[in-house]
Amino acid sequence: MRLHCALCGRPMNQAAVMIGAMPVGPTCARKAGLIELSKRKSGLVFPVTVKRESRTLDLFEDGVVE
């Protein structure tokens, strides 16, 4: 089962934020400013926690890609 963005309807692998029970993709969440809004922890916008595989090493040491 693939997720579909609640704002644009495109299929996605991983949701960036949830508006209530509806997933929003990373591109739409960034354009709509929902990522910053989800960090406030108020309202109906929640960040999605990603479970990391402990046996896999990171590609980049600091975890930030520019």
PDB file of N, CA and C in Angstrom:
ATOM      1  N   MET A   1       0.842  -1.185   0.000  1.00  0.00           N
ATOM      2  CA  MET A   1       0.000   0.000   0.000  1.00  0.00           C
ATOM      3  C   MET A   1       0.882   1.241   0.000  1.00  0.00           C
ATOM      4  N   ARG A   2       0.679   2.100  -0.952  1.00  0.00           N
ATOM      5  CA  ARG A   2       1.449   3.330  -1.042  1.00  0.00           C
ATOM      6  C   ARG A   2       0.660   4.471  -0.430  1.00  0.00           C
ATOM      7  N   LEU A   3       1.390   5.382   0.174  1.00  0.00           N
ATOM      8  CA  LEU A   3       0.771   6.583   0.731  1.00  0.00           C
ATOM      9  C   LEU A   3       0.570   7.601  -0.377  1.00  0.00           C
ATOM     10  N   HIS A   4      -0.438   8.420  -0.236  1.00  0.00           N
ATOM     11  CA  HIS A   4      -0.692   9.517  -1.165  1.00  0.00           C
ATOM     12  C   HIS A   4      -0.760  10.814  -0.369  1.00  0.00           C
ATOM     13  N   CYS A   5      -0.144  11.854  -0.902  1.00  0.00           N
ATOM     14  CA  CYS A   5      -0.115  13.155  -0.241  1.00  0.00           C
ATOM     15  C   CYS A   5      -1.535  13.716  -0.135  1.00  0.00           C
ATOM     16  N   ALA A   6      -1.870  14.237   1.017  1.00  0.00           N
ATOM     17  CA  ALA A   6      -3.202  14.798   1.242  1.00  0.00           C
ATOM     18  C   ALA A   6      -3.391  16.121   0.501  1.00  0.00           C
ATOM     19  N   LEU A   7      -2.304  16.818   0.179  1.00  0.00           N
ATOM     20  CA  LEU A   7      -2.426  18.113  -0.485  1.00  0.00           C
ATOM     21  C   LEU A   7      -2.463  18.008  -2.005  1.00  0.00           C
ATOM     22  N   CYS A   8      -1.614  17.137  -2.587  1.00  0.00           N
ATOM     23  CA  CYS A   8      -1.543  17.073  -4.043  1.00  0.00           C
ATOM     24  C   CYS A   8      -1.984  15.738  -4.623  1.00  0.00           C
ATOM     25  N   GLY A   9      -2.020  14.681  -3.808  1.00  0.00           N
ATOM     26  CA  GLY A   9      -2.464  13.379  -4.279  1.00  0.00           C
ATOM     27  C   GLY A   9      -1.380  12.514  -4.893  1.00  0.00           C
ATOM     28  N   ARG A  10      -0.138  12.994  -4.929  1.00  0.00           N
ATOM     29  CA  ARG A  10       0.947  12.193  -5.506  1.00  0.00           C
ATOM     30  C   ARG A  10       1.308  11.040  -4.579  1.00  0.00           C
ATOM     31  N   PRO A  11       1.712   9.892  -5.144  1.00  0.00           N
ATOM     32  CA  PRO A  11       2.176   8.791  -4.298  1.00  0.00           C
ATOM     33  C   PRO A  11       3.533   9.124  -3.687  1.00  0.00           C
ATOM     34  N   MET A  12       3.792   8.617  -2.481  1.00  0.00           N
ATOM     35  CA  MET A  12       5.060   8.897  -1.802  1.00  0.00           C
ATOM     36  C   MET A  12       5.463   7.682  -0.984  1.00  0.00           C
ATOM     37  N   ASN A  13       6.744   7.608  -0.654  1.00  0.00           N
ATOM     38  CA  ASN A  13       7.258   6.509   0.154  1.00  0.00           C
ATOM     39  C   ASN A  13       7.157   6.815   1.640  1.00  0.00           C
ATOM     40  N   GLN A  14       7.479   8.044   2.035  1.00  0.00           N
ATOM     41  CA  GLN A  14       7.514   8.423   3.442  1.00  0.00           C
ATOM     42  C   GLN A  14       6.856   9.785   3.618  1.00  0.00           C
ATOM     43  N   ALA A  15       5.941   9.896   4.560  1.00  0.00           N
ATOM     44  CA  ALA A  15       5.298  11.172   4.852  1.00  0.00           C
ATOM     45  C   ALA A  15       6.234  12.034   5.698  1.00  0.00           C
ATOM     46  N   ALA A  16       6.175  13.336   5.508  1.00  0.00           N
ATOM     47  CA  ALA A  16       6.985  14.259   6.297  1.00  0.00           C
ATOM     48  C   ALA A  16       6.231  14.719   7.538  1.00  0.00           C
ATOM     49  N   VAL A  17       4.966  15.066   7.381  1.00  0.00           N
ATOM     50  CA  VAL A  17       4.122  15.474   8.502  1.00  0.00           C
ATOM     51  C   VAL A  17       2.738  14.855   8.330  1.00  0.00           C
ATOM     52  N   MET A  18       1.990  14.850   9.410  1.00  0.00           N
ATOM     53  CA  MET A  18       0.612  14.375   9.380  1.00  0.00           C
ATOM     54  C   MET A  18      -0.292  15.530   9.782  1.00  0.00           C
ATOM     55  N   ILE A  19      -1.336  15.745   9.011  1.00  0.00           N
ATOM     56  CA  ILE A  19      -2.375  16.708   9.372  1.00  0.00           C
ATOM     57  C   ILE A  19      -3.540  15.861   9.861  1.00  0.00           C
ATOM     58  N   GLY A  20      -3.660  15.751  11.165  1.00  0.00           N
ATOM     59  CA  GLY A  20      -4.639  14.830  11.741  1.00  0.00           C
ATOM     60  C   GLY A  20      -4.215  13.415  11.425  1.00  0.00           C
ATOM     61  N   ALA A  21      -4.968  12.722  10.556  1.00  0.00           N
ATOM     62  CA  ALA A  21      -4.621  11.369  10.138  1.00  0.00           C
ATOM     63  C   ALA A  21      -4.193  11.317   8.679  1.00  0.00           C
ATOM     64  N   MET A  22      -4.049  12.488   8.032  1.00  0.00           N
ATOM     65  CA  MET A  22      -3.707  12.532   6.610  1.00  0.00           C
ATOM     66  C   MET A  22      -2.217  12.813   6.422  1.00  0.00           C
ATOM     67  N   PRO A  23      -1.516  11.975   5.650  1.00  0.00           N
ATOM     68  CA  PRO A  23      -0.083  12.180   5.424  1.00  0.00           C
ATOM     69  C   PRO A  23       0.169  13.260   4.373  1.00  0.00           C
ATOM     70  N   VAL A  24       1.230  14.007   4.584  1.00  0.00           N
ATOM     71  CA  VAL A  24       1.645  15.043   3.629  1.00  0.00           C
ATOM     72  C   VAL A  24       3.088  14.753   3.250  1.00  0.00           C
ATOM     73  N   GLY A  25       3.375  14.788   1.961  1.00  0.00           N
ATOM     74  CA  GLY A  25       4.713  14.504   1.460  1.00  0.00           C
ATOM     75  C   GLY A  25       5.708  15.588   1.813  1.00  0.00           C
ATOM     76  N   PRO A  26       7.006  15.281   1.694  1.00  0.00           N
ATOM     77  CA  PRO A  26       8.035  16.244   2.084  1.00  0.00           C
ATOM     78  C   PRO A  26       8.057  17.512   1.236  1.00  0.00           C
ATOM     79  N   THR A  27       7.806  17.403  -0.057  1.00  0.00           N
ATOM     80  CA  THR A  27       7.828  18.581  -0.924  1.00  0.00           C
ATOM     81  C   THR A  27       6.677  19.523  -0.600  1.00  0.00           C
ATOM     82  N   CYS A  28       5.482  18.984  -0.481  1.00  0.00           N
ATOM     83  CA  CYS A  28       4.318  19.812  -0.161  1.00  0.00           C
ATOM     84  C   CYS A  28       4.420  20.391   1.245  1.00  0.00           C
ATOM     85  N   ALA A  29       4.937  19.619   2.187  1.00  0.00           N
ATOM     86  CA  ALA A  29       5.082  20.106   3.563  1.00  0.00           C
ATOM     87  C   ALA A  29       6.070  21.258   3.623  1.00  0.00           C
ATOM     88  N   ARG A  30       7.149  21.166   2.862  1.00  0.00           N
ATOM     89  CA  ARG A  30       8.153  22.236   2.846  1.00  0.00           C
ATOM     90  C   ARG A  30       7.574  23.499   2.204  1.00  0.00           C
ATOM     91  N   LYS A  31       6.875  23.345   1.076  1.00  0.00           N
ATOM     92  CA  LYS A  31       6.295  24.499   0.375  1.00  0.00           C
ATOM     93  C   LYS A  31       5.194  25.176   1.190  1.00  0.00           C
ATOM     94  N   ALA A  32       4.425  24.389   1.944  1.00  0.00           N
ATOM     95  CA  ALA A  32       3.332  24.944   2.743  1.00  0.00           C
ATOM     96  C   ALA A  32       3.783  25.431   4.113  1.00  0.00           C
ATOM     97  N   GLY A  33       5.044  25.191   4.468  1.00  0.00           N
ATOM     98  CA  GLY A  33       5.553  25.625   5.763  1.00  0.00           C
ATOM     99  C   GLY A  33       5.092  24.756   6.917  1.00  0.00           C
ATOM    100  N   LEU A  34       4.715  23.521   6.633  1.00  0.00           N
ATOM    101  CA  LEU A  34       4.189  22.644   7.675  1.00  0.00           C
ATOM    102  C   LEU A  34       5.285  22.017   8.530  1.00  0.00           C
ATOM    103  N   ILE A  35       6.500  21.940   8.022  1.00  0.00           N
ATOM    104  CA  ILE A  35       7.586  21.346   8.798  1.00  0.00           C
ATOM    105  C   ILE A  35       7.901  22.216  10.008  1.00  0.00           C
ATOM    106  N   GLU A  36       7.982  23.532   9.801  1.00  0.00           N
ATOM    107  CA  GLU A  36       8.219  24.442  10.923  1.00  0.00           C
ATOM    108  C   GLU A  36       7.037  24.452  11.871  1.00  0.00           C
ATOM    109  N   LEU A  37       5.835  24.358  11.324  1.00  0.00           N
ATOM    110  CA  LEU A  37       4.626  24.347  12.146  1.00  0.00           C
ATOM    111  C   LEU A  37       4.541  23.079  13.001  1.00  0.00           C
ATOM    112  N   SER A  38       5.031  21.960  12.475  1.00  0.00           N
ATOM    113  CA  SER A  38       4.971  20.702  13.229  1.00  0.00           C
ATOM    114  C   SER A  38       5.947  20.689  14.402  1.00  0.00           C
ATOM    115  N   LYS A  39       6.986  21.516  14.352  1.00  0.00           N
ATOM    116  CA  LYS A  39       7.956  21.569  15.441  1.00  0.00           C
ATOM    117  C   LYS A  39       7.400  22.284  16.667  1.00  0.00           C
ATOM    118  N   ARG A  40       6.333  23.055  16.511  1.00  0.00           N
ATOM    119  CA  ARG A  40       5.718  23.775  17.635  1.00  0.00           C
ATOM    120  C   ARG A  40       4.932  22.855  18.556  1.00  0.00           C
ATOM    121  N   LYS A  41       4.529  21.710  18.066  1.00  0.00           N
ATOM    122  CA  LYS A  41       3.772  20.718  18.833  1.00  0.00           C
ATOM    123  C   LYS A  41       2.455  21.276  19.361  1.00  0.00           C
ATOM    124  N   SER A  42       1.770  22.011  18.507  1.00  0.00           N
ATOM    125  CA  SER A  42       0.445  22.495  18.856  1.00  0.00           C
ATOM    126  C   SER A  42      -0.448  22.384  17.631  1.00  0.00           C
ATOM    127  N   GLY A  43      -1.685  22.093  17.837  1.00  0.00           N
ATOM    128  CA  GLY A  43      -2.614  21.975  16.725  1.00  0.00           C
ATOM    129  C   GLY A  43      -2.688  20.559  16.181  1.00  0.00           C
ATOM    130  N   LEU A  44      -3.042  20.441  14.910  1.00  0.00           N
ATOM    131  CA  LEU A  44      -3.240  19.139  14.293  1.00  0.00           C
ATOM    132  C   LEU A  44      -2.102  18.706  13.386  1.00  0.00           C
ATOM    133  N   VAL A  45      -1.006  19.451  13.324  1.00  0.00           N
ATOM    134  CA  VAL A  45       0.121  19.107  12.463  1.00  0.00           C
ATOM    135  C   VAL A  45       1.201  18.452  13.315  1.00  0.00           C
ATOM    136  N   PHE A  46       1.523  17.193  12.991  1.00  0.00           N
ATOM    137  CA  PHE A  46       2.492  16.426  13.767  1.00  0.00           C
ATOM    138  C   PHE A  46       3.640  15.971  12.873  1.00  0.00           C
ATOM    139  N   PRO A  47       4.871  15.970  13.386  1.00  0.00           N
ATOM    140  CA  PRO A  47       5.980  15.426  12.605  1.00  0.00           C
ATOM    141  C   PRO A  47       5.892  13.897  12.568  1.00  0.00           C
ATOM    142  N   VAL A  48       6.410  13.316  11.504  1.00  0.00           N
ATOM    143  CA  VAL A  48       6.443  11.863  11.377  1.00  0.00           C
ATOM    144  C   VAL A  48       7.821  11.398  11.802  1.00  0.00           C
ATOM    145  N   THR A  49       7.862  10.472  12.740  1.00  0.00           N
ATOM    146  CA  THR A  49       9.144   9.935  13.186  1.00  0.00           C
ATOM    147  C   THR A  49       9.533   8.786  12.275  1.00  0.00           C
ATOM    148  N   VAL A  50      10.797   8.776  11.892  1.00  0.00           N
ATOM    149  CA  VAL A  50      11.303   7.754  10.994  1.00  0.00           C
ATOM    150  C   VAL A  50      12.117   6.756  11.803  1.00  0.00           C
ATOM    151  N   LYS A  51      11.767   5.499  11.689  1.00  0.00           N
ATOM    152  CA  LYS A  51      12.533   4.465  12.370  1.00  0.00           C
ATOM    153  C   LYS A  51      13.768   4.173  11.533  1.00  0.00           C
ATOM    154  N   ARG A  52      14.931   4.335  12.146  1.00  0.00           N
ATOM    155  CA  ARG A  52      16.182   4.128  11.436  1.00  0.00           C
ATOM    156  C   ARG A  52      16.651   2.701  11.629  1.00  0.00           C
ATOM    157  N   GLU A  53      17.228   2.165  10.607  1.00  0.00           N
ATOM    158  CA  GLU A  53      17.816   0.832  10.661  1.00  0.00           C
ATOM    159  C   GLU A  53      19.143   0.926  11.395  1.00  0.00           C
ATOM    160  N   SER A  54      19.285   0.188  12.471  1.00  0.00           N
ATOM    161  CA  SER A  54      20.485   0.300  13.298  1.00  0.00           C
ATOM    162  C   SER A  54      21.686  -0.404  12.675  1.00  0.00           C
ATOM    163  N   ARG A  55      21.452  -1.327  11.778  1.00  0.00           N
ATOM    164  CA  ARG A  55      22.559  -2.070  11.177  1.00  0.00           C
ATOM    165  C   ARG A  55      23.152  -1.369   9.956  1.00  0.00           C
ATOM    166  N   THR A  56      22.533  -0.286   9.496  1.00  0.00           N
ATOM    167  CA  THR A  56      22.990   0.424   8.311  1.00  0.00           C
ATOM    168  C   THR A  56      23.745   1.682   8.722  1.00  0.00           C
ATOM    169  N   LEU A  57      24.901   1.893   8.126  1.00  0.00           N
ATOM    170  CA  LEU A  57      25.688   3.094   8.394  1.00  0.00           C
ATOM    171  C   LEU A  57      25.169   4.272   7.589  1.00  0.00           C
ATOM    172  N   ASP A  58      25.380   5.479   8.100  1.00  0.00           N
ATOM    173  CA  ASP A  58      24.960   6.679   7.385  1.00  0.00           C
ATOM    174  C   ASP A  58      25.891   6.939   6.221  1.00  0.00           C
ATOM    175  N   LEU A  59      25.349   7.495   5.149  1.00  0.00           N
ATOM    176  CA  LEU A  59      26.156   7.858   3.997  1.00  0.00           C
ATOM    177  C   LEU A  59      27.025   9.057   4.326  1.00  0.00           C
ATOM    178  N   PHE A  60      26.455  10.031   5.054  1.00  0.00           N
ATOM    179  CA  PHE A  60      27.173  11.211   5.481  1.00  0.00           C
ATOM    180  C   PHE A  60      27.266  11.201   7.000  1.00  0.00           C
ATOM    181  N   GLU A  61      28.410  11.611   7.530  1.00  0.00           N
ATOM    182  CA  GLU A  61      28.630  11.518   8.972  1.00  0.00           C
ATOM    183  C   GLU A  61      27.709  12.434   9.777  1.00  0.00           C
ATOM    184  N   ASP A  62      27.542  13.697   9.334  1.00  0.00           N
ATOM    185  CA  ASP A  62      26.762  14.641  10.114  1.00  0.00           C
ATOM    186  C   ASP A  62      25.268  14.524   9.872  1.00  0.00           C
ATOM    187  N   GLY A  63      24.841  13.806   8.832  1.00  0.00           N
ATOM    188  CA  GLY A  63      23.431  13.611   8.561  1.00  0.00           C
ATOM    189  C   GLY A  63      22.763  14.751   7.836  1.00  0.00           C
ATOM    190  N   VAL A  64      23.511  15.822   7.506  1.00  0.00           N
ATOM    191  CA  VAL A  64      22.942  16.979   6.811  1.00  0.00           C
ATOM    192  C   VAL A  64      23.498  17.021   5.398  1.00  0.00           C
ATOM    193  N   VAL A  65      22.616  17.088   4.417  1.00  0.00           N
ATOM    194  CA  VAL A  65      23.027  17.183   3.031  1.00  0.00           C
ATOM    195  C   VAL A  65      22.663  18.561   2.521  1.00  0.00           C
ATOM    196  N   GLU A  66      23.584  19.247   1.926  1.00  0.00           N
ATOM    197  CA  GLU A  66      23.306  20.592   1.398  1.00  0.00           C
ATOM    198  C   GLU A  66      23.220  20.575  -0.094  1.00  0.00           C
TER     199      GLU A  66
END
